[in-house]
C-alpha atoms as a PDB file:
ATOM      1  CA  UNK A   1     -46.224 -44.759  80.517  1.00  0.00           C
ATOM      2  CA  UNK A   2     -46.988 -48.376  81.453  1.00  0.00           C
ATOM      3  CA  UNK A   3     -47.714 -49.012  77.785  1.00  0.00           C
ATOM      4  CA  UNK A   4     -43.999 -48.760  77.088  1.00  0.00           C
ATOM      5  CA  UNK A   5     -42.958 -51.507  79.479  1.00  0.00           C
ATOM      6  CA  UNK A   6     -42.916 -53.969  76.614  1.00  0.00           C
ATOM      7  CA  UNK A   7     -40.603 -51.647  74.678  1.00  0.00           C
ATOM      8  CA  UNK A   8     -38.164 -51.785  77.522  1.00  0.00           C
ATOM      9  CA  UNK A   9     -37.764 -55.553  77.160  1.00  0.00           C
ATOM     10  CA  UNK A  10     -36.186 -57.349  74.251  1.00  0.00           C
ATOM     11  CA  UNK A  11     -37.938 -60.477  75.488  1.00  0.00           C
ATOM     12  CA  UNK A  12     -39.970 -60.318  78.679  1.00  0.00           C
ATOM     13  CA  UNK A  13     -39.509 -64.001  79.379  1.00  0.00           C
ATOM     14  CA  UNK A  14     -35.730 -63.621  79.442  1.00  0.00           C
ATOM     15  CA  UNK A  15     -35.665 -61.331  82.436  1.00  0.00           C
ATOM     16  CA  UNK A  16     -33.279 -62.589  85.036  1.00  0.00           C
ATOM     17  CA  UNK A  17     -32.734 -61.627  88.656  1.00  0.00           C
ATOM     18  CA  UNK A  18     -29.679 -61.766  90.875  1.00  0.00           C
ATOM     19  CA  UNK A  19     -30.117 -64.319  93.627  1.00  0.00           C
ATOM     20  CA  UNK A  20     -29.920 -63.044  97.170  1.00  0.00           C
ATOM     21  CA  UNK A  21     -27.745 -64.889  99.637  1.00  0.00           C
ATOM     22  CA  UNK A  22     -27.737 -64.446 103.391  1.00  0.00           C
ATOM     23  CA  UNK A  23     -24.627 -62.606 104.462  1.00  0.00           C
ATOM     24  CA  UNK A  24     -23.512 -61.912 100.917  1.00  0.00           C
ATOM     25  CA  UNK A  25     -20.561 -59.550 100.616  1.00  0.00           C
ATOM     26  CA  UNK A  26     -21.415 -56.558  98.426  1.00  0.00           C
ATOM     27  CA  UNK A  27     -18.482 -54.372  97.433  1.00  0.00           C
ATOM     28  CA  UNK A  28     -19.106 -50.776  96.397  1.00  0.00           C
ATOM     29  CA  UNK A  29     -16.944 -48.146  94.711  1.00  0.00           C
ATOM     30  CA  UNK A  30     -16.997 -45.470  92.021  1.00  0.00           C
ATOM     31  CA  UNK A  31     -15.405 -45.611  88.608  1.00  0.00           C
ATOM     32  CA  UNK A  32     -12.976 -42.900  87.577  1.00  0.00           C
ATOM     33  CA  UNK A  33     -15.850 -41.487  85.511  1.00  0.00           C
ATOM     34  CA  UNK A  34     -18.185 -41.210  88.509  1.00  0.00           C
ATOM     35  CA  UNK A  35     -20.463 -44.240  88.130  1.00  0.00           C
ATOM     36  CA  UNK A  36     -21.530 -46.122  91.265  1.00  0.00           C
ATOM     37  CA  UNK A  37     -20.550 -49.803  91.192  1.00  0.00           C
ATOM     38  CA  UNK A  38     -21.862 -52.726  93.264  1.00  0.00           C
ATOM     39  CA  UNK A  39     -20.134 -56.099  92.998  1.00  0.00           C
ATOM     40  CA  UNK A  40     -20.700 -59.609  94.344  1.00  0.00           C
ATOM     41  CA  UNK A  41     -18.068 -62.250  93.589  1.00  0.00           C
ATOM     42  CA  UNK A  42     -19.526 -65.734  93.117  1.00  0.00           C
ATOM     43  CA  UNK A  43     -17.825 -68.637  91.370  1.00  0.00           C
ATOM     44  CA  UNK A  44     -20.598 -71.231  91.712  1.00  0.00           C
ATOM     45  CA  UNK A  45     -21.371 -71.034  87.983  1.00  0.00           C
ATOM     46  CA  UNK A  46     -19.292 -69.848  84.990  1.00  0.00           C
ATOM     47  CA  UNK A  47     -21.668 -66.933  84.446  1.00  0.00           C
ATOM     48  CA  UNK A  48     -21.566 -63.190  84.981  1.00  0.00           C
ATOM     49  CA  UNK A  49     -24.535 -60.843  85.254  1.00  0.00           C
ATOM     50  CA  UNK A  50     -24.134 -57.122  84.636  1.00  0.00           C
ATOM     51  CA  UNK A  51     -26.729 -54.390  84.977  1.00  0.00           C
ATOM     52  CA  UNK A  52     -26.194 -50.763  83.972  1.00  0.00           C
ATOM     53  CA  UNK A  53     -28.979 -48.341  84.829  1.00  0.00           C
ATOM     54  CA  UNK A  54     -29.279 -44.608  84.315  1.00  0.00           C
ATOM     55  CA  UNK A  55     -31.489 -41.911  85.843  1.00  0.00           C
ATOM     56  CA  UNK A  56     -33.280 -41.781  82.501  1.00  0.00           C
ATOM     57  CA  UNK A  57     -36.781 -43.102  83.112  1.00  0.00           C
ATOM     58  CA  UNK A  58     -40.093 -41.709  81.929  1.00  0.00           C
ATOM     59  CA  UNK A  59     -40.074 -39.062  84.677  1.00  0.00           C
ATOM     60  CA  UNK A  60     -37.491 -37.261  82.505  1.00  0.00           C
ATOM     61  CA  UNK A  61     -40.000 -36.914  79.662  1.00  0.00           C
ATOM     62  CA  UNK A  62     -41.881 -33.727  78.913  1.00  0.00           C
ATOM     63  CA  UNK A  63     -45.648 -33.831  78.574  1.00  0.00           C
ATOM     64  CA  UNK A  64     -45.330 -32.811  74.910  1.00  0.00           C
ATOM     65  CA  UNK A  65     -42.986 -35.700  74.087  1.00  0.00           C
ATOM     66  CA  UNK A  66     -44.030 -38.357  76.563  1.00  0.00           C
ATOM     67  CA  UNK A  67     -42.482 -41.639  75.504  1.00  0.00           C
ATOM     68  CA  UNK A  68     -39.095 -40.182  74.588  1.00  0.00           C
ATOM     69  CA  UNK A  69     -37.197 -41.974  77.349  1.00  0.00           C
ATOM     70  CA  UNK A  70     -38.642 -45.380  76.454  1.00  0.00           C
ATOM     71  CA  UNK A  71     -38.030 -44.934  72.741  1.00  0.00           C
ATOM     72  CA  UNK A  72     -34.461 -43.757  73.372  1.00  0.00           C
ATOM     73  CA  UNK A  73     -33.651 -46.831  75.437  1.00  0.00           C
ATOM     74  CA  UNK A  74     -35.319 -49.165  72.945  1.00  0.00           C
ATOM     75  CA  UNK A  75     -33.573 -47.609  69.949  1.00  0.00           C
ATOM     76  CA  UNK A  76     -30.155 -48.087  71.544  1.00  0.00           C
ATOM     77  CA  UNK A  77     -30.396 -51.805  70.731  1.00  0.00           C
ATOM     78  CA  UNK A  78     -31.370 -51.296  67.074  1.00  0.00           C
ATOM     79  CA  UNK A  79     -27.952 -50.247  65.829  1.00  0.00           C
ATOM     80  CA  UNK A  80     -24.581 -49.412  67.324  1.00  0.00           C
ATOM     81  CA  UNK A  81     -21.130 -48.646  65.943  1.00  0.00           C
ATOM     82  CA  UNK A  82     -22.303 -49.718  62.499  1.00  0.00           C
ATOM     83  CA  UNK A  83     -23.846 -53.008  63.660  1.00  0.00           C
ATOM     84  CA  UNK A  84     -27.469 -53.583  62.655  1.00  0.00           C
ATOM     85  CA  UNK A  85     -30.093 -54.887  65.055  1.00  0.00           C
ATOM     86  CA  UNK A  86     -29.985 -58.239  63.224  1.00  0.00           C
ATOM     87  CA  UNK A  87     -26.221 -58.470  63.661  1.00  0.00           C
ATOM     88  CA  UNK A  88     -26.464 -57.582  67.337  1.00  0.00           C
ATOM     89  CA  UNK A  89     -29.046 -60.316  67.928  1.00  0.00           C
ATOM     90  CA  UNK A  90     -27.093 -62.902  65.938  1.00  0.00           C
ATOM     91  CA  UNK A  91     -23.776 -62.227  67.630  1.00  0.00           C
ATOM     92  CA  UNK A  92     -25.373 -62.420  71.068  1.00  0.00           C
ATOM     93  CA  UNK A  93     -27.191 -65.646  70.170  1.00  0.00           C
ATOM     94  CA  UNK A  94     -23.997 -67.204  68.811  1.00  0.00           C
ATOM     95  CA  UNK A  95     -22.384 -67.044  72.251  1.00  0.00           C
ATOM     96  CA  UNK A  96     -25.525 -67.750  74.280  1.00  0.00           C
ATOM     97  CA  UNK A  97     -25.594 -64.280  75.838  1.00  0.00           C
ATOM     98  CA  UNK A  98     -28.813 -62.636  77.001  1.00  0.00           C
ATOM     99  CA  UNK A  99     -29.400 -58.898  76.640  1.00  0.00           C
ATOM    100  CA  UNK A 100     -32.457 -57.362  78.297  1.00  0.00           C
ATOM    101  CA  UNK A 101     -33.646 -53.772  78.430  1.00  0.00           C
ATOM    102  CA  UNK A 102     -35.156 -52.111  81.491  1.00  0.00           C
ATOM    103  CA  UNK A 103     -37.317 -49.014  81.723  1.00  0.00           C
ATOM    104  CA  UNK A 104     -39.631 -47.530  84.329  1.00  0.00           C
ATOM    105  CA  UNK A 105     -40.471 -44.110  85.720  1.00  0.00           C
ATOM    106  CA  UNK A 106     -37.088 -43.564  87.368  1.00  0.00           C
ATOM    107  CA  UNK A 107     -34.533 -45.541  85.397  1.00  0.00           C
ATOM    108  CA  UNK A 108     -33.566 -47.011  82.061  1.00  0.00           C
ATOM    109  CA  UNK A 109     -30.824 -49.460  81.286  1.00  0.00           C
ATOM    110  CA  UNK A 110     -29.690 -52.891  80.215  1.00  0.00           C
ATOM    111  CA  UNK A 111     -28.888 -56.275  81.725  1.00  0.00           C
ATOM    112  CA  UNK A 112     -26.369 -58.703  80.310  1.00  0.00           C
ATOM    113  CA  UNK A 113     -25.877 -62.359  81.155  1.00  0.00           C
ATOM    114  CA  UNK A 114     -22.951 -64.148  79.559  1.00  0.00           C
ATOM    115  CA  UNK A 115     -20.547 -66.995  80.128  1.00  0.00           C
ATOM    116  CA  UNK A 116     -17.437 -65.960  82.038  1.00  0.00           C
ATOM    117  CA  UNK A 117     -15.055 -67.751  79.667  1.00  0.00           C
ATOM    118  CA  UNK A 118     -12.841 -65.228  77.918  1.00  0.00           C
ATOM    119  CA  UNK A 119     -14.000 -65.545  74.266  1.00  0.00           C
ATOM    120  CA  UNK A 120     -17.722 -65.385  75.075  1.00  0.00           C
ATOM    121  CA  UNK A 121     -17.291 -62.731  77.746  1.00  0.00           C
ATOM    122  CA  UNK A 122     -15.239 -60.467  75.502  1.00  0.00           C
ATOM    123  CA  UNK A 123     -17.649 -60.658  72.574  1.00  0.00           C
ATOM    124  CA  UNK A 124     -20.640 -59.991  74.827  1.00  0.00           C
ATOM    125  CA  UNK A 125     -18.916 -57.062  76.542  1.00  0.00           C
ATOM    126  CA  UNK A 126     -17.850 -55.604  73.206  1.00  0.00           C
ATOM    127  CA  UNK A 127     -21.454 -55.465  71.984  1.00  0.00           C
ATOM    128  CA  UNK A 128     -22.821 -54.408  75.379  1.00  0.00           C
ATOM    129  CA  UNK A 129     -20.390 -51.515  75.760  1.00  0.00           C
ATOM    130  CA  UNK A 130     -21.089 -50.287  72.225  1.00  0.00           C
ATOM    131  CA  UNK A 131     -24.861 -50.353  72.762  1.00  0.00           C
ATOM    132  CA  UNK A 132     -24.448 -48.222  75.877  1.00  0.00           C
ATOM    133  CA  UNK A 133     -21.787 -45.852  74.549  1.00  0.00           C
ATOM    134  CA  UNK A 134     -22.196 -45.713  70.749  1.00  0.00           C
ATOM    135  CA  UNK A 135     -25.882 -45.967  69.777  1.00  0.00           C
ATOM    136  CA  UNK A 136     -26.629 -45.097  66.146  1.00  0.00           C
ATOM    137  CA  UNK A 137     -30.368 -44.321  66.436  1.00  0.00           C
ATOM    138  CA  UNK A 138     -31.055 -45.277  62.780  1.00  0.00           C
ATOM    139  CA  UNK A 139     -33.631 -42.923  61.248  1.00  0.00           C
ATOM    140  CA  UNK A 140     -35.402 -45.606  59.209  1.00  0.00           C
ATOM    141  CA  UNK A 141     -35.829 -47.853  62.239  1.00  0.00           C
ATOM    142  CA  UNK A 142     -37.036 -44.925  64.340  1.00  0.00           C
ATOM    143  CA  UNK A 143     -39.808 -44.233  61.841  1.00  0.00           C
ATOM    144  CA  UNK A 144     -40.703 -47.922  61.770  1.00  0.00           C
ATOM    145  CA  UNK A 145     -40.869 -48.113  65.549  1.00  0.00           C
ATOM    146  CA  UNK A 146     -42.885 -44.905  65.853  1.00  0.00           C
ATOM    147  CA  UNK A 147     -45.445 -46.294  63.418  1.00  0.00           C
ATOM    148  CA  UNK A 148     -45.686 -49.498  65.435  1.00  0.00           C
ATOM    149  CA  UNK A 149     -45.918 -47.694  68.766  1.00  0.00           C
ATOM    150  CA  UNK A 150     -48.607 -45.299  67.559  1.00  0.00           C
ATOM    151  CA  UNK A 151     -50.670 -48.215  66.242  1.00  0.00           C
ATOM    152  CA  UNK A 152     -50.347 -49.974  69.602  1.00  0.00           C
ATOM    153  CA  UNK A 153     -51.324 -46.820  71.481  1.00  0.00           C
ATOM    154  CA  UNK A 154     -54.432 -46.367  69.357  1.00  0.00           C
ATOM    155  CA  UNK A 155     -55.426 -49.957  69.993  1.00  0.00           C
ATOM    156  CA  UNK A 156     -54.731 -49.603  73.723  1.00  0.00           C
ATOM    157  CA  UNK A 157     -56.962 -46.528  73.846  1.00  0.00           C
ATOM    158  CA  UNK A 158     -59.932 -48.870  73.319  1.00  0.00           C
ATOM    159  CA  UNK A 159     -58.987 -51.263  76.133  1.00  0.00           C
ATOM    160  CA  UNK A 160     -60.387 -50.694  79.631  1.00  0.00           C
ATOM    161  CA  UNK A 161     -57.206 -51.775  81.425  1.00  0.00           C
ATOM    162  CA  UNK A 162     -55.109 -49.198  79.565  1.00  0.00           C
ATOM    163  CA  UNK A 163     -57.731 -46.473  79.920  1.00  0.00           C
ATOM    164  CA  UNK A 164     -58.066 -47.075  83.662  1.00  0.00           C
ATOM    165  CA  UNK A 165     -54.293 -47.238  84.228  1.00  0.00           C
ATOM    166  CA  UNK A 166     -53.729 -43.873  82.547  1.00  0.00           C
ATOM    167  CA  UNK A 167     -56.617 -42.283  84.434  1.00  0.00           C
ATOM    168  CA  UNK A 168     -55.343 -43.689  87.729  1.00  0.00           C
ATOM    169  CA  UNK A 169     -51.809 -42.357  87.267  1.00  0.00           C
ATOM    170  CA  UNK A 170     -53.141 -38.955  86.249  1.00  0.00           C
ATOM    171  CA  UNK A 171     -55.455 -38.834  89.269  1.00  0.00           C
ATOM    172  CA  UNK A 172     -52.658 -39.767  91.679  1.00  0.00           C
ATOM    173  CA  UNK A 173     -49.782 -37.709  90.255  1.00  0.00           C
ATOM    174  CA  UNK A 174     -51.536 -34.861  88.448  1.00  0.00           C
ATOM    175  CA  UNK A 175     -49.062 -32.664  86.559  1.00  0.00           C
ATOM    176  CA  UNK A 176     -45.999 -34.424  87.974  1.00  0.00           C
ATOM    177  CA  UNK A 177     -44.004 -36.350  85.308  1.00  0.00           C
ATOM    178  CA  UNK A 178     -45.118 -39.594  86.957  1.00  0.00           C
ATOM    179  CA  UNK A 179     -48.581 -38.759  85.665  1.00  0.00           C
ATOM    180  CA  UNK A 180     -47.564 -38.271  82.025  1.00  0.00           C
ATOM    181  CA  UNK A 181     -48.683 -40.857  79.492  1.00  0.00           C
ATOM    182  CA  UNK A 182     -47.566 -41.578  75.961  1.00  0.00           C
ATOM    183  CA  UNK A 183     -50.120 -40.680  73.314  1.00  0.00           C
ATOM    184  CA  UNK A 184     -50.045 -40.997  69.514  1.00  0.00           C
ATOM    185  CA  UNK A 185     -49.403 -37.268  69.149  1.00  0.00           C
ATOM    186  CA  UNK A 186     -46.541 -37.207  71.692  1.00  0.00           C
ATOM    187  CA  UNK A 187     -44.794 -40.110  69.970  1.00  0.00           C
ATOM    188  CA  UNK A 188     -45.340 -38.556  66.535  1.00  0.00           C
ATOM    189  CA  UNK A 189     -43.573 -35.401  67.768  1.00  0.00           C
ATOM    190  CA  UNK A 190     -40.368 -37.285  68.654  1.00  0.00           C
ATOM    191  CA  UNK A 191     -37.487 -37.075  66.177  1.00  0.00           C
ATOM    192  CA  UNK A 192     -33.981 -38.465  66.007  1.00  0.00           C
ATOM    193  CA  UNK A 193     -32.562 -35.174  67.315  1.00  0.00           C
ATOM    194  CA  UNK A 194     -34.679 -35.616  70.452  1.00  0.00           C
ATOM    195  CA  UNK A 195     -33.201 -39.071  71.029  1.00  0.00           C
ATOM    196  CA  UNK A 196     -29.667 -37.751  70.642  1.00  0.00           C
ATOM    197  CA  UNK A 197     -30.344 -34.866  73.014  1.00  0.00           C
ATOM    198  CA  UNK A 198     -31.945 -37.133  75.626  1.00  0.00           C
ATOM    199  CA  UNK A 199     -29.078 -39.612  75.387  1.00  0.00           C
ATOM    200  CA  UNK A 200     -26.452 -36.877  75.785  1.00  0.00           C
ATOM    201  CA  UNK A 201     -28.272 -35.402  78.787  1.00  0.00           C
ATOM    202  CA  UNK A 202     -29.003 -38.545  80.804  1.00  0.00           C
ATOM    203  CA  UNK A 203     -26.744 -41.402  79.695  1.00  0.00           C
ATOM    204  CA  UNK A 204     -23.642 -40.121  81.459  1.00  0.00           C
ATOM    205  CA  UNK A 205     -21.415 -41.989  83.890  1.00  0.00           C
ATOM    206  CA  UNK A 206     -22.394 -39.863  86.867  1.00  0.00           C
ATOM    207  CA  UNK A 207     -26.028 -40.853  86.223  1.00  0.00           C
ATOM    208  CA  UNK A 208     -25.143 -44.559  86.081  1.00  0.00           C
ATOM    209  CA  UNK A 209     -25.332 -47.401  88.584  1.00  0.00           C
ATOM    210  CA  UNK A 210     -23.536 -50.618  87.651  1.00  0.00           C
ATOM    211  CA  UNK A 211     -24.173 -53.966  89.340  1.00  0.00           C
ATOM    212  CA  UNK A 212     -21.959 -56.986  88.644  1.00  0.00           C
ATOM    213  CA  UNK A 213     -22.253 -60.474  90.072  1.00  0.00           C
ATOM    214  CA  UNK A 214     -20.709 -63.792  89.231  1.00  0.00           C
ATOM    215  CA  UNK A 215     -17.570 -65.569  88.135  1.00  0.00           C
ATOM    216  CA  UNK A 216     -15.021 -62.750  88.131  1.00  0.00           C
ATOM    217  CA  UNK A 217     -12.570 -61.122  90.499  1.00  0.00           C
ATOM    218  CA  UNK A 218     -12.786 -57.659  92.036  1.00  0.00           C
ATOM    219  CA  UNK A 219     -10.090 -56.504  89.627  1.00  0.00           C
ATOM    220  CA  UNK A 220     -11.961 -57.868  86.606  1.00  0.00           C
ATOM    221  CA  UNK A 221     -15.185 -56.235  87.772  1.00  0.00           C
ATOM    222  CA  UNK A 222     -13.439 -52.879  88.141  1.00  0.00           C
ATOM    223  CA  UNK A 223     -11.970 -53.195  84.650  1.00  0.00           C
ATOM    224  CA  UNK A 224     -15.390 -54.007  83.170  1.00  0.00           C
ATOM    225  CA  UNK A 225     -17.042 -51.077  84.956  1.00  0.00           C
ATOM    226  CA  UNK A 226     -14.422 -48.677  83.607  1.00  0.00           C
ATOM    227  CA  UNK A 227     -14.825 -50.120  80.126  1.00  0.00           C
ATOM    228  CA  UNK A 228     -18.597 -49.632  80.206  1.00  0.00           C
ATOM    229  CA  UNK A 229     -18.375 -45.960  81.169  1.00  0.00           C
ATOM    230  CA  UNK A 230     -15.195 -44.650  79.531  1.00  0.00           C
ATOM    231  CA  UNK A 231     -16.911 -43.264  76.418  1.00  0.00           C
ATOM    232  CA  UNK A 232     -20.244 -42.183  77.876  1.00  0.00           C
ATOM    233  CA  UNK A 233     -21.405 -38.596  77.289  1.00  0.00           C
ATOM    234  CA  UNK A 234     -20.053 -35.943  79.643  1.00  0.00           C
ATOM    235  CA  UNK A 235     -23.021 -34.340  81.347  1.00  0.00           C
ATOM    236  CA  UNK A 236     -24.097 -32.984  84.691  1.00  0.00           C
ATOM    237  CA  UNK A 237     -25.918 -35.280  87.073  1.00  0.00           C
ATOM    238  CA  UNK A 238     -29.634 -35.469  86.422  1.00  0.00           C
ATOM    239  CA  UNK A 239     -31.422 -32.904  88.592  1.00  0.00           C
ATOM    240  CA  UNK A 240     -33.647 -34.287  91.341  1.00  0.00           C
ATOM    241  CA  UNK A 241     -37.285 -34.672  90.409  1.00  0.00           C
ATOM    242  CA  UNK A 242     -39.802 -32.301  91.901  1.00  0.00           C
ATOM    243  CA  UNK A 243     -41.610 -33.518  94.990  1.00  0.00           C
ATOM    244  CA  UNK A 244     -44.732 -35.559  94.393  1.00  0.00           C
ATOM    245  CA  UNK A 245     -47.866 -33.881  95.719  1.00  0.00           C
ATOM    246  CA  UNK A 246     -50.241 -36.737  96.451  1.00  0.00           C
ATOM    247  CA  UNK A 247     -54.019 -36.210  96.760  1.00  0.00           C
ATOM    248  CA  UNK A 248     -55.037 -34.936 100.171  1.00  0.00           C
ATOM    249  CA  UNK A 249     -58.509 -36.455 100.101  1.00  0.00           C
ATOM    250  CA  UNK A 250     -60.295 -39.477  98.731  1.00  0.00           C
ATOM    251  CA  UNK A 251     -61.067 -39.422  95.028  1.00  0.00           C
ATOM    252  CA  UNK A 252     -63.411 -41.629  93.034  1.00  0.00           C
ATOM    253  CA  UNK A 253     -63.539 -41.649  89.255  1.00  0.00           C
ATOM    254  CA  UNK A 254     -65.873 -43.712  87.071  1.00  0.00           C
ATOM    255  CA  UNK A 255     -65.272 -44.220  83.357  1.00  0.00           C
ATOM    256  CA  UNK A 256     -67.995 -45.687  81.163  1.00  0.00           C
ATOM    257  CA  UNK A 257     -66.855 -48.467  78.837  1.00  0.00           C
ATOM    258  CA  UNK A 258     -68.767 -51.218  76.982  1.00  0.00           C
ATOM    259  CA  UNK A 259     -66.550 -53.957  78.406  1.00  0.00           C
ATOM    260  CA  UNK A 260     -67.982 -57.218  79.736  1.00  0.00           C
ATOM    261  CA  UNK A 261     -65.913 -56.972  82.916  1.00  0.00           C
ATOM    262  CA  UNK A 262     -65.259 -54.161  85.360  1.00  0.00           C
ATOM    263  CA  UNK A 263     -61.735 -52.906  85.974  1.00  0.00           C
ATOM    264  CA  UNK A 264     -61.179 -51.479  89.441  1.00  0.00           C
ATOM    265  CA  UNK A 265     -57.995 -49.738  90.544  1.00  0.00           C
ATOM    266  CA  UNK A 266     -57.482 -48.866  94.202  1.00  0.00           C
ATOM    267  CA  UNK A 267     -54.594 -46.890  95.593  1.00  0.00           C
ATOM    268  CA  UNK A 268     -53.434 -45.377  98.855  1.00  0.00           C
ATOM    269  CA  UNK A 269     -50.339 -43.282  99.685  1.00  0.00           C
ATOM    270  CA  UNK A 270     -47.643 -45.593 100.985  1.00  0.00           C
ATOM    271  CA  UNK A 271     -44.134 -45.264 102.366  1.00  0.00           C
ATOM    272  CA  UNK A 272     -40.901 -44.341 100.637  1.00  0.00           C
ATOM    273  CA  UNK A 273     -38.516 -47.042  99.470  1.00  0.00           C
ATOM    274  CA  UNK A 274     -36.081 -46.123 102.232  1.00  0.00           C
ATOM    275  CA  UNK A 275     -38.658 -46.697 104.969  1.00  0.00           C
ATOM    276  CA  UNK A 276     -37.868 -49.752 107.152  1.00  0.00           C
ATOM    277  CA  UNK A 277     -41.437 -50.963 106.616  1.00  0.00           C
ATOM    278  CA  UNK A 278     -41.146 -50.873 102.813  1.00  0.00           C
ATOM    279  CA  UNK A 279     -40.223 -54.517 102.254  1.00  0.00           C
ATOM    280  CA  UNK A 280     -42.625 -55.962 104.875  1.00  0.00           C
ATOM    281  CA  UNK A 281     -45.412 -53.953 103.226  1.00  0.00           C
ATOM    282  CA  UNK A 282     -44.236 -55.053  99.769  1.00  0.00           C
ATOM    283  CA  UNK A 283     -44.477 -58.710 100.772  1.00  0.00           C
ATOM    284  CA  UNK A 284     -47.821 -58.134 102.476  1.00  0.00           C
ATOM    285  CA  UNK A 285     -49.176 -56.412  99.379  1.00  0.00           C
ATOM    286  CA  UNK A 286     -48.085 -59.346  97.216  1.00  0.00           C
ATOM    287  CA  UNK A 287     -49.795 -61.849  99.505  1.00  0.00           C
ATOM    288  CA  UNK A 288     -53.005 -59.841  99.688  1.00  0.00           C
ATOM    289  CA  UNK A 289     -53.478 -58.781  96.086  1.00  0.00           C
ATOM    290  CA  UNK A 290     -50.241 -58.335  94.185  1.00  0.00           C
ATOM    291  CA  UNK A 291     -49.724 -61.995  93.403  1.00  0.00           C
ATOM    292  CA  UNK A 292     -52.339 -62.167  90.672  1.00  0.00           C
ATOM    293  CA  UNK A 293     -54.281 -65.416  90.655  1.00  0.00           C
ATOM    294  CA  UNK A 294     -52.421 -66.750  93.699  1.00  0.00           C
ATOM    295  CA  UNK A 295     -53.273 -63.745  95.902  1.00  0.00           C
ATOM    296  CA  UNK A 296     -55.768 -63.988  98.747  1.00  0.00           C
ATOM    297  CA  UNK A 297     -57.949 -61.214  97.338  1.00  0.00           C
ATOM    298  CA  UNK A 298     -58.241 -62.919  93.954  1.00  0.00           C
ATOM    299  CA  UNK A 299     -59.014 -66.281  95.538  1.00  0.00           C
ATOM    300  CA  UNK A 300     -61.722 -64.693  97.703  1.00  0.00           C
ATOM    301  CA  UNK A 301     -63.363 -62.815  94.834  1.00  0.00           C
ATOM    302  CA  UNK A 302     -63.227 -65.671  92.332  1.00  0.00           C
ATOM    303  CA  UNK A 303     -64.325 -68.358  94.774  1.00  0.00           C
END
């Protein structure tokens, strides 16, 4: 599952985040098609950021076709409404727009950053809306991408970090979809019809959350949100995922590997995202060990 994070990004270094401001006014409403919308008006810069996410993450995969959600999201940017992936990239580059894909266990979607001036904004929104609402899923590109993904998976199967990550997720989540992992055989089993079916089932307006921030009015934001959802598939809301049954006792697993370094993964059941202690614990985790080479744990071990 984690192996497909790179697929979810057109360019990892281009990821952008919405700045948080104290006391910021966040407006919320629903489109006529049922999508949830969150909007922050800010005219400091002539830029708008838009994020559209769907309940279409890897937890919607089946064990037999693990990887389907990631491939579906990735393939949506390889051709739309007759535009090739090269044309999409060129037209976005011509106006300085940035398009980024997102994918994790719970969600899949796209971020757009573009200038707010009318010509650039309209061209960016035209491409963005077509990617979301009119993906072509070209067969030739699908076969190309499957070949590439399978080769990467086979290579990853020799690396201790990938082996340990898969084993860890399986140990924690068991048969829950969170524990599924993409394998060469599951990717090989995915066809274009599977992509179309997955898209029709999960890329609907009532499964969408739209966030807009930047140099636009409330009325303009509402118009954009309607435009981005008007032609989405009509489908029922994604059913809630089954409850996660976490391990009830300590578990230790050792995997032999001829690597020169040891890879150790530690985990402990935490709190839900809605818990008031979630963000204090998130920050504490980052300080202790989640900050990579700037974390206290890393400094202690390496020093």
